[in-house]
Amino acid sequence: MKAFVVQNYGKKEELTLREISKPILRENEVMVEIYAAGLNQLDIKILSGEFKMILPYKTPFILGHDLAGIVIETGSGVTKFKIGDEVYARPSDLHIGTFAEYLAVEENDLALKPKNLSMDEAAGVPLVALTAWQALVEIGKLKKGQKVFIQAGSGGVGIVAIQLAKYLGATVATTAGKASFPMLKELGADVLIDYKTQDFETVLKDYDLVLNSQDTKTLKKSLNVVKTGGKVISISGPPTPAFAQEIGASWLIRTALSLLSFGVRKKAKRRGIDYEFLFMKSSGKQLGEITKLIEDGTIKIVVDKVYPFPQTNEALNHVASGRAKGKIVVKIK
């Protein structure tokens, strides 16, 4: 099968298209013929080597964290899916590889594809939707009447998170360029802040929850708009000692991550705010809940551009540019 492979880590490295063997199916896995794959900032961070401490993939390996496709074979222990099912997934860490024609995916990572989405649309959903769900529902426990600040509203996570927060009954503030305002208002954003001309610190006050997806400087500023007892959840770091312990990191890595997040944790504690780092986990069960919200029209999917599979490197460059309004997807079949 054809697959895009990471040969070497590096910020200037590109993926290599190779012909490799089809995956071997295990008893709890489903073989998916991949029709489309979504691209994420996580792919860029892994390729650059930025996440080697957290995810020590040994080169060469196939990149890619989102897929939509059709089940063509099932392992002997699989009970939830059958051949011919249209599915989508964010495969578990260390079992990734969606920039390929086939992937063996653990049954518990899969969900049936929303009936009202094309393969291209569905491929861009799993990672960003699971991130939004775990931040707002699982960790943030966002409630009706609360206020949430979701950064980078026109990005993949932002678009889903805004809609999910409105479904949960929250008031939503977000940052974006002015060109994205009409789209974000239609999706439900209540407070729109132009990141080019406005400082969100001067606009927002006493928020219950912040979903941070930007740099550490923005994260520290975000702590100033949250009320005492509120929560800041970051999906871009810095990781916390609790996260390092959760992934079973070595003493050296635990120490390094503790130092990286010390300043943020200290400021949060001083202000009576809970700070958590979220590195989303695969979950077919949660994806099934998200599917219901997509099928009933609560969550709409926005795709910026679909690239042909041979142009996967160009698609990654588009994601890296930060100019995408919605998801970038590659069509594999």
C-alpha atoms as a PDB file:
ATOM      1  CA  MET A   1       0.000   0.000   0.000  1.00  0.00           C
ATOM      2  CA  LYS A   2       1.023   3.643  -0.421  1.00  0.00           C
ATOM      3  CA  ALA A   3       1.754   5.664   2.718  1.00  0.00           C
ATOM      4  CA  PHE A   4       3.392   8.940   3.743  1.00  0.00           C
ATOM      5  CA  VAL A   5       6.231   8.199   6.141  1.00  0.00           C
ATOM      6  CA  VAL A   6       8.340  10.230   8.580  1.00  0.00           C
ATOM      7  CA  GLN A   7      11.922   9.306   7.647  1.00  0.00           C
ATOM      8  CA  ASN A   8      13.603  11.809   9.978  1.00  0.00           C
ATOM      9  CA  TYR A   9      12.458  14.316  12.572  1.00  0.00           C
ATOM     10  CA  GLY A  10      13.026  17.992  11.846  1.00  0.00           C
ATOM     11  CA  LYS A  11      11.266  21.327  11.351  1.00  0.00           C
ATOM     12  CA  LYS A  12      12.262  21.393   7.670  1.00  0.00           C
ATOM     13  CA  GLU A  13      11.593  17.704   7.028  1.00  0.00           C
ATOM     14  CA  GLU A  14       8.837  16.522   4.683  1.00  0.00           C
ATOM     15  CA  LEU A  15       6.977  13.233   4.537  1.00  0.00           C
ATOM     16  CA  THR A  16       8.126  10.578   2.066  1.00  0.00           C
ATOM     17  CA  LEU A  17       5.634   8.648  -0.081  1.00  0.00           C
ATOM     18  CA  ARG A  18       6.531   4.952   0.063  1.00  0.00           C
ATOM     19  CA  GLU A  19       5.128   1.573  -0.923  1.00  0.00           C
ATOM     20  CA  ILE A  20       4.930  -0.563   2.224  1.00  0.00           C
ATOM     21  CA  SER A  21       3.216  -3.713   3.462  1.00  0.00           C
ATOM     22  CA  LYS A  22      -0.423  -3.623   4.497  1.00  0.00           C
ATOM     23  CA  PRO A  23      -0.896  -3.739   8.311  1.00  0.00           C
ATOM     24  CA  ILE A  24      -1.360  -7.073  10.077  1.00  0.00           C
ATOM     25  CA  LEU A  25      -4.758  -7.324  11.767  1.00  0.00           C
ATOM     26  CA  ARG A  26      -5.004  -8.278  15.454  1.00  0.00           C
ATOM     27  CA  GLU A  27      -8.056  -9.843  17.101  1.00  0.00           C
ATOM     28  CA  ASN A  28      -9.407  -6.607  18.610  1.00  0.00           C
ATOM     29  CA  GLU A  29      -8.806  -4.529  15.461  1.00  0.00           C
ATOM     30  CA  VAL A  30     -10.716  -3.554  12.349  1.00  0.00           C
ATOM     31  CA  MET A  31      -9.033  -3.113   8.965  1.00  0.00           C
ATOM     32  CA  VAL A  32     -10.165   0.174   7.464  1.00  0.00           C
ATOM     33  CA  GLU A  33      -9.734   1.121   3.834  1.00  0.00           C
ATOM     34  CA  ILE A  34      -9.071   4.834   4.237  1.00  0.00           C
ATOM     35  CA  TYR A  35     -10.996   7.180   1.965  1.00  0.00           C
ATOM     36  CA  ALA A  36      -9.859  10.458   3.555  1.00  0.00           C
ATOM     37  CA  ALA A  37      -7.566  11.664   6.329  1.00  0.00           C
ATOM     38  CA  GLY A  38      -7.723  14.874   8.357  1.00  0.00           C
ATOM     39  CA  LEU A  39      -4.616  16.915   9.137  1.00  0.00           C
ATOM     40  CA  ASN A  40      -3.823  18.506  12.498  1.00  0.00           C
ATOM     41  CA  GLN A  41      -1.252  20.704  14.217  1.00  0.00           C
ATOM     42  CA  LEU A  42      -0.277  17.544  16.117  1.00  0.00           C
ATOM     43  CA  ASP A  43       1.043  16.023  12.866  1.00  0.00           C
ATOM     44  CA  ILE A  44       3.341  19.018  12.386  1.00  0.00           C
ATOM     45  CA  LYS A  45       4.563  18.918  15.986  1.00  0.00           C
ATOM     46  CA  ILE A  46       5.353  15.215  15.742  1.00  0.00           C
ATOM     47  CA  LEU A  47       7.166  15.601  12.403  1.00  0.00           C
ATOM     48  CA  SER A  48       9.272  18.452  13.795  1.00  0.00           C
ATOM     49  CA  GLY A  49      10.307  16.341  16.794  1.00  0.00           C
ATOM     50  CA  GLU A  50       8.616  18.672  19.269  1.00  0.00           C
ATOM     51  CA  PHE A  51       6.668  15.827  20.910  1.00  0.00           C
ATOM     52  CA  LYS A  52       9.438  13.206  21.042  1.00  0.00           C
ATOM     53  CA  MET A  53       9.473  13.347  24.855  1.00  0.00           C
ATOM     54  CA  ILE A  54       5.759  12.509  25.013  1.00  0.00           C
ATOM     55  CA  LEU A  55       5.383  10.298  21.930  1.00  0.00           C
ATOM     56  CA  PRO A  56       8.696   8.558  21.156  1.00  0.00           C
ATOM     57  CA  TYR A  57       7.893   7.174  17.693  1.00  0.00           C
ATOM     58  CA  LYS A  58      10.801   5.342  16.123  1.00  0.00           C
ATOM     59  CA  THR A  59      11.486   6.376  12.521  1.00  0.00           C
ATOM     60  CA  PRO A  60      10.413   5.465   9.925  1.00  0.00           C
ATOM     61  CA  PHE A  61       6.706   5.560  10.785  1.00  0.00           C
ATOM     62  CA  ILE A  62       3.446   6.556   9.084  1.00  0.00           C
ATOM     63  CA  LEU A  63       1.968   9.874  10.228  1.00  0.00           C
ATOM     64  CA  GLY A  64      -1.716  10.854  10.493  1.00  0.00           C
ATOM     65  CA  HIS A  65      -4.302  10.987  13.299  1.00  0.00           C
ATOM     66  CA  ASP A  66      -7.749  11.174  11.626  1.00  0.00           C
ATOM     67  CA  LEU A  67      -9.502   8.884   9.167  1.00  0.00           C
ATOM     68  CA  ALA A  68     -12.784   8.092   7.501  1.00  0.00           C
ATOM     69  CA  GLY A  69     -13.243   4.912   5.526  1.00  0.00           C
ATOM     70  CA  ILE A  70     -14.883   1.511   5.137  1.00  0.00           C
ATOM     71  CA  VAL A  71     -14.355  -1.666   7.153  1.00  0.00           C
ATOM     72  CA  ILE A  72     -12.942  -4.389   4.901  1.00  0.00           C
ATOM     73  CA  GLU A  73     -11.938  -6.971   7.535  1.00  0.00           C
ATOM     74  CA  THR A  74     -12.521  -7.579  11.251  1.00  0.00           C
ATOM     75  CA  GLY A  75     -10.455  -9.348  13.885  1.00  0.00           C
ATOM     76  CA  SER A  76     -11.804 -12.452  15.610  1.00  0.00           C
ATOM     77  CA  GLY A  77     -12.645 -10.513  18.795  1.00  0.00           C
ATOM     78  CA  VAL A  78     -14.488  -7.625  17.145  1.00  0.00           C
ATOM     79  CA  THR A  79     -18.215  -7.381  17.951  1.00  0.00           C
ATOM     80  CA  LYS A  80     -19.277  -3.777  17.176  1.00  0.00           C
ATOM     81  CA  PHE A  81     -18.445  -3.498  13.474  1.00  0.00           C
ATOM     82  CA  LYS A  82     -18.901  -5.519  10.316  1.00  0.00           C
ATOM     83  CA  ILE A  83     -17.469  -5.492   6.805  1.00  0.00           C
ATOM     84  CA  GLY A  84     -18.932  -2.621   4.795  1.00  0.00           C
ATOM     85  CA  ASP A  85     -19.508  -0.256   7.742  1.00  0.00           C
ATOM     86  CA  GLU A  86     -18.595   3.370   7.080  1.00  0.00           C
ATOM     87  CA  VAL A  87     -16.498   4.490  10.052  1.00  0.00           C
ATOM     88  CA  TYR A  88     -14.301   7.288  11.337  1.00  0.00           C
ATOM     89  CA  ALA A  89     -11.706   7.475  14.095  1.00  0.00           C
ATOM     90  CA  ARG A  90      -8.779   9.123  15.789  1.00  0.00           C
ATOM     91  CA  PRO A  91      -6.568   6.044  16.356  1.00  0.00           C
ATOM     92  CA  SER A  92      -4.834   5.673  19.718  1.00  0.00           C
ATOM     93  CA  ASP A  93      -1.372   7.115  20.259  1.00  0.00           C
ATOM     94  CA  LEU A  94       1.358   4.719  19.119  1.00  0.00           C
ATOM     95  CA  HIS A  95      -1.211   3.185  16.721  1.00  0.00           C
ATOM     96  CA  ILE A  96      -1.496   6.125  14.328  1.00  0.00           C
ATOM     97  CA  GLY A  97      -0.830   6.115  10.585  1.00  0.00           C
ATOM     98  CA  THR A  98      -3.822   7.491   8.685  1.00  0.00           C
ATOM     99  CA  PHE A  99      -1.799   8.963   5.798  1.00  0.00           C
ATOM    100  CA  ALA A 100      -2.051   5.564   4.130  1.00  0.00           C
ATOM    101  CA  GLU A 101      -4.437   3.431   2.105  1.00  0.00           C
ATOM    102  CA  TYR A 102      -5.182   1.051   4.992  1.00  0.00           C
ATOM    103  CA  LEU A 103      -4.926   1.029   8.781  1.00  0.00           C
ATOM    104  CA  ALA A 104      -5.721  -1.560  11.450  1.00  0.00           C
ATOM    105  CA  VAL A 105      -7.663   0.365  14.119  1.00  0.00           C
ATOM    106  CA  GLU A 106      -8.612  -0.796  17.608  1.00  0.00           C
ATOM    107  CA  GLU A 107     -12.356  -1.433  17.808  1.00  0.00           C
ATOM    108  CA  ASN A 108     -12.815   0.897  20.790  1.00  0.00           C
ATOM    109  CA  ASP A 109     -11.344   3.833  18.845  1.00  0.00           C
ATOM    110  CA  LEU A 110     -13.923   3.586  16.045  1.00  0.00           C
ATOM    111  CA  ALA A 111     -17.414   4.975  15.553  1.00  0.00           C
ATOM    112  CA  LEU A 112     -19.884   4.792  12.695  1.00  0.00           C
ATOM    113  CA  LYS A 113     -19.489   7.788  10.387  1.00  0.00           C
ATOM    114  CA  PRO A 114     -22.257  10.408  10.618  1.00  0.00           C
ATOM    115  CA  LYS A 115     -24.767   9.643   7.862  1.00  0.00           C
ATOM    116  CA  ASN A 116     -25.030  13.297   6.824  1.00  0.00           C
ATOM    117  CA  LEU A 117     -21.284  13.757   6.228  1.00  0.00           C
ATOM    118  CA  SER A 118     -19.158  12.817   3.240  1.00  0.00           C
ATOM    119  CA  MET A 119     -15.942  10.879   3.806  1.00  0.00           C
ATOM    120  CA  ASP A 120     -13.950  14.091   3.324  1.00  0.00           C
ATOM    121  CA  GLU A 121     -16.023  15.955   5.913  1.00  0.00           C
ATOM    122  CA  ALA A 122     -15.964  13.096   8.425  1.00  0.00           C
ATOM    123  CA  ALA A 123     -12.181  12.709   8.171  1.00  0.00           C
ATOM    124  CA  GLY A 124     -11.677  16.147   9.708  1.00  0.00           C
ATOM    125  CA  VAL A 125     -13.836  15.513  12.762  1.00  0.00           C
ATOM    126  CA  PRO A 126     -12.383  12.994  15.257  1.00  0.00           C
ATOM    127  CA  LEU A 127      -9.312  14.643  16.800  1.00  0.00           C
ATOM    128  CA  VAL A 128     -10.741  18.164  17.048  1.00  0.00           C
ATOM    129  CA  ALA A 129     -14.194  17.033  18.178  1.00  0.00           C
ATOM    130  CA  LEU A 130     -12.797  14.684  20.841  1.00  0.00           C
ATOM    131  CA  THR A 131     -10.509  17.488  22.039  1.00  0.00           C
ATOM    132  CA  ALA A 132     -13.470  19.863  22.373  1.00  0.00           C
ATOM    133  CA  TRP A 133     -15.595  17.209  24.099  1.00  0.00           C
ATOM    134  CA  GLN A 134     -12.906  16.240  26.609  1.00  0.00           C
ATOM    135  CA  ALA A 135     -12.086  19.891  27.373  1.00  0.00           C
ATOM    136  CA  LEU A 136     -15.636  21.202  27.786  1.00  0.00           C
ATOM    137  CA  VAL A 137     -17.629  18.143  28.918  1.00  0.00           C
ATOM    138  CA  GLU A 138     -15.196  15.757  30.596  1.00  0.00           C
ATOM    139  CA  ILE A 139     -12.722  18.119  32.292  1.00  0.00           C
ATOM    140  CA  GLY A 140     -14.359  21.563  32.152  1.00  0.00           C
ATOM    141  CA  LYS A 141     -17.861  20.277  33.083  1.00  0.00           C
ATOM    142  CA  LEU A 142     -19.265  23.372  31.369  1.00  0.00           C
ATOM    143  CA  LYS A 143     -22.765  24.256  32.556  1.00  0.00           C
ATOM    144  CA  LYS A 144     -25.644  26.358  31.326  1.00  0.00           C
ATOM    145  CA  GLY A 145     -25.147  30.032  32.127  1.00  0.00           C
ATOM    146  CA  GLN A 146     -21.354  29.847  32.424  1.00  0.00           C
ATOM    147  CA  LYS A 147     -18.916  31.859  30.303  1.00  0.00           C
ATOM    148  CA  VAL A 148     -16.164  30.212  28.231  1.00  0.00           C
ATOM    149  CA  PHE A 149     -13.336  31.770  26.234  1.00  0.00           C
ATOM    150  CA  ILE A 150     -12.319  29.603  23.267  1.00  0.00           C
ATOM    151  CA  GLN A 151      -9.172  30.837  21.523  1.00  0.00           C
ATOM    152  CA  ALA A 152      -8.670  30.679  17.742  1.00  0.00           C
ATOM    153  CA  GLY A 153     -12.326  30.205  16.917  1.00  0.00           C
ATOM    154  CA  SER A 154     -11.794  29.617  13.195  1.00  0.00           C
ATOM    155  CA  GLY A 155      -9.408  26.692  13.782  1.00  0.00           C
ATOM    156  CA  GLY A 156     -10.478  23.057  13.764  1.00  0.00           C
ATOM    157  CA  VAL A 157     -10.905  22.723  17.542  1.00  0.00           C
ATOM    158  CA  GLY A 158     -12.381  26.204  17.884  1.00  0.00           C
ATOM    159  CA  ILE A 159     -15.167  25.640  15.354  1.00  0.00           C
ATOM    160  CA  VAL A 160     -16.403  22.489  17.108  1.00  0.00           C
ATOM    161  CA  ALA A 161     -15.833  23.848  20.634  1.00  0.00           C
ATOM    162  CA  ILE A 162     -17.922  26.978  19.977  1.00  0.00           C
ATOM    163  CA  GLN A 163     -20.883  24.894  18.816  1.00  0.00           C
ATOM    164  CA  LEU A 164     -20.531  22.382  21.649  1.00  0.00           C
ATOM    165  CA  ALA A 165     -20.331  25.181  24.238  1.00  0.00           C
ATOM    166  CA  LYS A 166     -23.509  26.781  22.860  1.00  0.00           C
ATOM    167  CA  TYR A 167     -25.247  23.393  22.982  1.00  0.00           C
ATOM    168  CA  LEU A 168     -24.241  23.175  26.667  1.00  0.00           C
ATOM    169  CA  GLY A 169     -25.807  26.612  27.272  1.00  0.00           C
ATOM    170  CA  ALA A 170     -22.691  28.731  27.765  1.00  0.00           C
ATOM    171  CA  THR A 171     -21.852  32.262  26.653  1.00  0.00           C
ATOM    172  CA  VAL A 172     -18.935  31.976  24.222  1.00  0.00           C
ATOM    173  CA  ALA A 173     -16.115  34.437  23.519  1.00  0.00           C
ATOM    174  CA  THR A 174     -13.486  33.764  20.871  1.00  0.00           C
ATOM    175  CA  THR A 175     -10.570  35.329  19.011  1.00  0.00           C
ATOM    176  CA  ALA A 176     -10.176  35.373  15.225  1.00  0.00           C
ATOM    177  CA  GLY A 177      -9.483  37.629  12.276  1.00  0.00           C
ATOM    178  CA  LYS A 178     -12.396  39.879  11.267  1.00  0.00           C
ATOM    179  CA  ALA A 179     -12.907  37.942   8.026  1.00  0.00           C
ATOM    180  CA  SER A 180     -14.019  34.940  10.121  1.00  0.00           C
ATOM    181  CA  PHE A 181     -16.521  36.870  12.258  1.00  0.00           C
ATOM    182  CA  PRO A 182     -19.643  36.165  10.131  1.00  0.00           C
ATOM    183  CA  MET A 183     -18.962  32.409  10.137  1.00  0.00           C
ATOM    184  CA  LEU A 184     -18.248  32.313  13.881  1.00  0.00           C
ATOM    185  CA  LYS A 185     -21.325  34.372  14.718  1.00  0.00           C
ATOM    186  CA  GLU A 186     -23.422  31.925  12.709  1.00  0.00           C
ATOM    187  CA  LEU A 187     -21.867  29.030  14.659  1.00  0.00           C
ATOM    188  CA  GLY A 188     -22.901  30.683  17.940  1.00  0.00           C
ATOM    189  CA  ALA A 189     -20.036  32.873  19.187  1.00  0.00           C
ATOM    190  CA  ASP A 190     -21.383  35.703  21.384  1.00  0.00           C
ATOM    191  CA  VAL A 191     -18.244  37.814  21.861  1.00  0.00           C
ATOM    192  CA  LEU A 192     -15.887  38.209  18.881  1.00  0.00           C
ATOM    193  CA  ILE A 193     -12.407  39.633  19.433  1.00  0.00           C
ATOM    194  CA  ASP A 194     -10.126  40.642  16.551  1.00  0.00           C
ATOM    195  CA  TYR A 195      -6.753  39.255  17.609  1.00  0.00           C
ATOM    196  CA  LYS A 196      -4.980  41.688  15.262  1.00  0.00           C
ATOM    197  CA  THR A 197      -6.374  44.873  16.812  1.00  0.00           C
ATOM    198  CA  GLN A 198      -7.793  43.935  20.218  1.00  0.00           C
ATOM    199  CA  ASP A 199      -6.375  42.580  23.466  1.00  0.00           C
ATOM    200  CA  PHE A 200      -8.753  40.000  24.915  1.00  0.00           C
ATOM    201  CA  GLU A 201      -7.566  40.929  28.440  1.00  0.00           C
ATOM    202  CA  THR A 202      -9.269  44.306  28.106  1.00  0.00           C
ATOM    203  CA  VAL A 203     -12.545  42.786  26.823  1.00  0.00           C
ATOM    204  CA  LEU A 204     -13.098  39.679  28.956  1.00  0.00           C
ATOM    205  CA  LYS A 205     -13.609  39.403  32.709  1.00  0.00           C
ATOM    206  CA  ASP A 206     -14.752  36.799  35.244  1.00  0.00           C
ATOM    207  CA  TYR A 207     -14.900  33.848  32.844  1.00  0.00           C
ATOM    208  CA  ASP A 208     -15.529  30.346  34.191  1.00  0.00           C
ATOM    209  CA  LEU A 209     -13.398  28.465  31.666  1.00  0.00           C
ATOM    210  CA  VAL A 210     -10.709  29.097  29.053  1.00  0.00           C
ATOM    211  CA  LEU A 211      -9.702  26.664  26.308  1.00  0.00           C
ATOM    212  CA  ASN A 212      -6.145  27.702  25.437  1.00  0.00           C
ATOM    213  CA  SER A 213      -4.632  26.627  22.124  1.00  0.00           C
ATOM    214  CA  GLN A 214      -1.948  29.290  21.746  1.00  0.00           C
ATOM    215  CA  ASP A 215       1.512  29.980  23.177  1.00  0.00           C
ATOM    216  CA  THR A 216       2.544  30.265  26.832  1.00  0.00           C
ATOM    217  CA  LYS A 217       2.390  34.086  26.740  1.00  0.00           C
ATOM    218  CA  THR A 218      -1.278  33.930  25.694  1.00  0.00           C
ATOM    219  CA  LEU A 219      -1.905  31.239  28.308  1.00  0.00           C
ATOM    220  CA  LYS A 220      -0.555  33.429  31.115  1.00  0.00           C
ATOM    221  CA  LYS A 221      -2.705  36.339  29.913  1.00  0.00           C
ATOM    222  CA  SER A 222      -5.715  34.020  29.882  1.00  0.00           C
ATOM    223  CA  LEU A 223      -5.340  33.434  33.611  1.00  0.00           C
ATOM    224  CA  ASN A 224      -6.211  37.114  34.098  1.00  0.00           C
ATOM    225  CA  VAL A 225      -9.698  36.799  32.598  1.00  0.00           C
ATOM    226  CA  VAL A 226     -10.775  33.805  34.720  1.00  0.00           C
ATOM    227  CA  LYS A 227     -12.577  34.249  38.009  1.00  0.00           C
ATOM    228  CA  THR A 228     -11.431  32.595  41.232  1.00  0.00           C
ATOM    229  CA  GLY A 229     -12.471  28.955  41.204  1.00  0.00           C
ATOM    230  CA  GLY A 230     -12.433  28.875  37.397  1.00  0.00           C
ATOM    231  CA  LYS A 231     -10.434  26.641  35.143  1.00  0.00           C
ATOM    232  CA  VAL A 232      -7.932  26.999  32.300  1.00  0.00           C
ATOM    233  CA  ILE A 233      -7.433  23.996  30.027  1.00  0.00           C
ATOM    234  CA  SER A 234      -4.548  24.117  27.565  1.00  0.00           C
ATOM    235  CA  ILE A 235      -4.194  21.839  24.554  1.00  0.00           C
ATOM    236  CA  SER A 236      -0.899  23.412  23.472  1.00  0.00           C
ATOM    237  CA  GLY A 237       1.061  23.052  26.711  1.00  0.00           C
ATOM    238  CA  PRO A 238       2.951  23.319  28.860  1.00  0.00           C
ATOM    239  CA  PRO A 239       2.306  19.787  30.166  1.00  0.00           C
ATOM    240  CA  THR A 240       1.939  19.290  33.923  1.00  0.00           C
ATOM    241  CA  PRO A 241       3.525  16.783  36.356  1.00  0.00           C
ATOM    242  CA  ALA A 242       0.083  15.112  36.618  1.00  0.00           C
ATOM    243  CA  PHE A 243       0.112  14.508  32.867  1.00  0.00           C
ATOM    244  CA  ALA A 244       3.682  13.158  33.004  1.00  0.00           C
ATOM    245  CA  GLN A 245       2.647  10.730  35.733  1.00  0.00           C
ATOM    246  CA  GLU A 246      -0.442   9.692  33.755  1.00  0.00           C
ATOM    247  CA  ILE A 247       1.628   8.674  30.719  1.00  0.00           C
ATOM    248  CA  GLY A 248       4.201   6.873  32.873  1.00  0.00           C
ATOM    249  CA  ALA A 249       7.039   9.231  31.919  1.00  0.00           C
ATOM    250  CA  SER A 250      10.531   8.707  33.299  1.00  0.00           C
ATOM    251  CA  TRP A 251      11.807  10.739  36.252  1.00  0.00           C
ATOM    252  CA  LEU A 252      13.855  12.902  33.880  1.00  0.00           C
ATOM    253  CA  ILE A 253      10.865  13.744  31.670  1.00  0.00           C
ATOM    254  CA  ARG A 254       8.616  14.330  34.700  1.00  0.00           C
ATOM    255  CA  THR A 255      11.166  16.804  36.024  1.00  0.00           C
ATOM    256  CA  ALA A 256      11.494  18.554  32.657  1.00  0.00           C
ATOM    257  CA  LEU A 257       7.716  18.909  32.228  1.00  0.00           C
ATOM    258  CA  SER A 258       7.374  20.123  35.815  1.00  0.00           C
ATOM    259  CA  LEU A 259       9.893  22.895  35.144  1.00  0.00           C
ATOM    260  CA  LEU A 260       8.195  23.843  31.861  1.00  0.00           C
ATOM    261  CA  SER A 261       4.829  24.376  33.527  1.00  0.00           C
ATOM    262  CA  PHE A 262       6.044  25.747  36.885  1.00  0.00           C
ATOM    263  CA  GLY A 263       5.417  29.430  36.101  1.00  0.00           C
ATOM    264  CA  VAL A 264       1.889  28.849  34.779  1.00  0.00           C
ATOM    265  CA  ARG A 265       0.937  26.537  37.663  1.00  0.00           C
ATOM    266  CA  LYS A 266       2.300  29.006  40.229  1.00  0.00           C
ATOM    267  CA  LYS A 267       0.330  31.929  38.769  1.00  0.00           C
ATOM    268  CA  ALA A 268      -2.841  29.833  38.510  1.00  0.00           C
ATOM    269  CA  LYS A 269      -2.554  28.686  42.115  1.00  0.00           C
ATOM    270  CA  ARG A 270      -1.974  32.263  43.305  1.00  0.00           C
ATOM    271  CA  ARG A 271      -5.195  33.343  41.578  1.00  0.00           C
ATOM    272  CA  GLY A 272      -7.209  30.348  42.809  1.00  0.00           C
ATOM    273  CA  ILE A 273      -7.553  28.904  39.308  1.00  0.00           C
ATOM    274  CA  ASP A 274      -7.274  25.274  38.247  1.00  0.00           C
ATOM    275  CA  TYR A 275      -4.820  24.722  35.361  1.00  0.00           C
ATOM    276  CA  GLU A 276      -4.853  21.472  33.369  1.00  0.00           C
ATOM    277  CA  PHE A 277      -3.035  20.291  30.270  1.00  0.00           C
ATOM    278  CA  LEU A 278      -5.164  18.191  27.923  1.00  0.00           C
ATOM    279  CA  PHE A 279      -3.656  15.681  25.535  1.00  0.00           C
ATOM    280  CA  MET A 280      -6.791  14.159  24.071  1.00  0.00           C
ATOM    281  CA  LYS A 281      -7.416  10.431  24.186  1.00  0.00           C
ATOM    282  CA  SER A 282      -9.051   8.261  21.563  1.00  0.00           C
ATOM    283  CA  SER A 283     -12.592   7.194  22.342  1.00  0.00           C
ATOM    284  CA  GLY A 284     -15.058   5.566  19.992  1.00  0.00           C
ATOM    285  CA  LYS A 285     -17.734   5.941  22.687  1.00  0.00           C
ATOM    286  CA  GLN A 286     -17.333   9.720  22.892  1.00  0.00           C
ATOM    287  CA  LEU A 287     -17.125   9.923  19.114  1.00  0.00           C
ATOM    288  CA  GLY A 288     -20.481   8.148  19.007  1.00  0.00           C
ATOM    289  CA  GLU A 289     -21.979  10.923  21.171  1.00  0.00           C
ATOM    290  CA  ILE A 290     -20.482  13.524  18.844  1.00  0.00           C
ATOM    291  CA  THR A 291     -21.986  11.678  15.862  1.00  0.00           C
ATOM    292  CA  LYS A 292     -25.480  12.218  17.325  1.00  0.00           C
ATOM    293  CA  LEU A 293     -24.849  15.971  17.590  1.00  0.00           C
ATOM    294  CA  ILE A 294     -23.612  16.105  13.988  1.00  0.00           C
ATOM    295  CA  GLU A 295     -26.552  14.113  12.650  1.00  0.00           C
ATOM    296  CA  ASP A 296     -29.136  16.275  14.453  1.00  0.00           C
ATOM    297  CA  GLY A 297     -27.511  19.478  13.157  1.00  0.00           C
ATOM    298  CA  THR A 298     -26.180  20.722  16.516  1.00  0.00           C
ATOM    299  CA  ILE A 299     -22.588  20.608  15.252  1.00  0.00           C
ATOM    300  CA  LYS A 300     -21.767  21.642  11.693  1.00  0.00           C
ATOM    301  CA  ILE A 301     -18.459  20.700  10.075  1.00  0.00           C
ATOM    302  CA  VAL A 302     -16.361  23.263   8.214  1.00  0.00           C
ATOM    303  CA  VAL A 303     -13.774  22.018   5.691  1.00  0.00           C
ATOM    304  CA  ASP A 304     -11.366  24.632   4.331  1.00  0.00           C
ATOM    305  CA  LYS A 305      -9.739  22.579   1.557  1.00  0.00           C
ATOM    306  CA  VAL A 306      -9.386  18.999   0.329  1.00  0.00           C
ATOM    307  CA  TYR A 307      -6.050  17.993  -1.234  1.00  0.00           C
ATOM    308  CA  PRO A 308      -5.369  14.896  -3.353  1.00  0.00           C
ATOM    309  CA  PHE A 309      -3.326  12.284  -1.485  1.00  0.00           C
ATOM    310  CA  PRO A 310      -0.051  12.897  -3.408  1.00  0.00           C
ATOM    311  CA  GLN A 311      -0.148  16.521  -2.149  1.00  0.00           C
ATOM    312  CA  THR A 312      -0.109  15.602   1.562  1.00  0.00           C
ATOM    313  CA  ASN A 313       3.041  17.676   2.175  1.00  0.00           C
ATOM    314  CA  GLU A 314       1.376  20.726   0.606  1.00  0.00           C
ATOM    315  CA  ALA A 315      -1.648  20.084   2.837  1.00  0.00           C
ATOM    316  CA  LEU A 316       0.599  19.992   5.920  1.00  0.00           C
ATOM    317  CA  ASN A 317       2.149  23.301   4.892  1.00  0.00           C
ATOM    318  CA  HIS A 318      -1.355  24.780   4.676  1.00  0.00           C
ATOM    319  CA  VAL A 319      -2.062  23.653   8.252  1.00  0.00           C
ATOM    320  CA  ALA A 320       1.292  25.013   9.427  1.00  0.00           C
ATOM    321  CA  SER A 321       0.530  28.417   7.910  1.00  0.00           C
ATOM    322  CA  GLY A 322      -2.243  28.958  10.465  1.00  0.00           C
ATOM    323  CA  ARG A 323      -4.496  30.429   7.772  1.00  0.00           C
ATOM    324  CA  ALA A 324      -6.981  27.558   7.490  1.00  0.00           C
ATOM    325  CA  LYS A 325     -10.595  28.364   8.335  1.00  0.00           C
ATOM    326  CA  GLY A 326     -11.808  24.910   9.242  1.00  0.00           C
ATOM    327  CA  LYS A 327     -10.218  21.560   8.503  1.00  0.00           C
ATOM    328  CA  ILE A 328      -7.647  20.532   5.911  1.00  0.00           C
ATOM    329  CA  VAL A 329      -8.211  17.042   4.519  1.00  0.00           C
ATOM    330  CA  VAL A 330      -6.470  14.724   2.044  1.00  0.00           C
ATOM    331  CA  LYS A 331      -8.579  12.488  -0.206  1.00  0.00           C
ATOM    332  CA  ILE A 332      -7.015   9.025  -0.381  1.00  0.00           C
ATOM    333  CA  LYS A 333      -9.728   7.185  -2.316  1.00  0.00           C
END
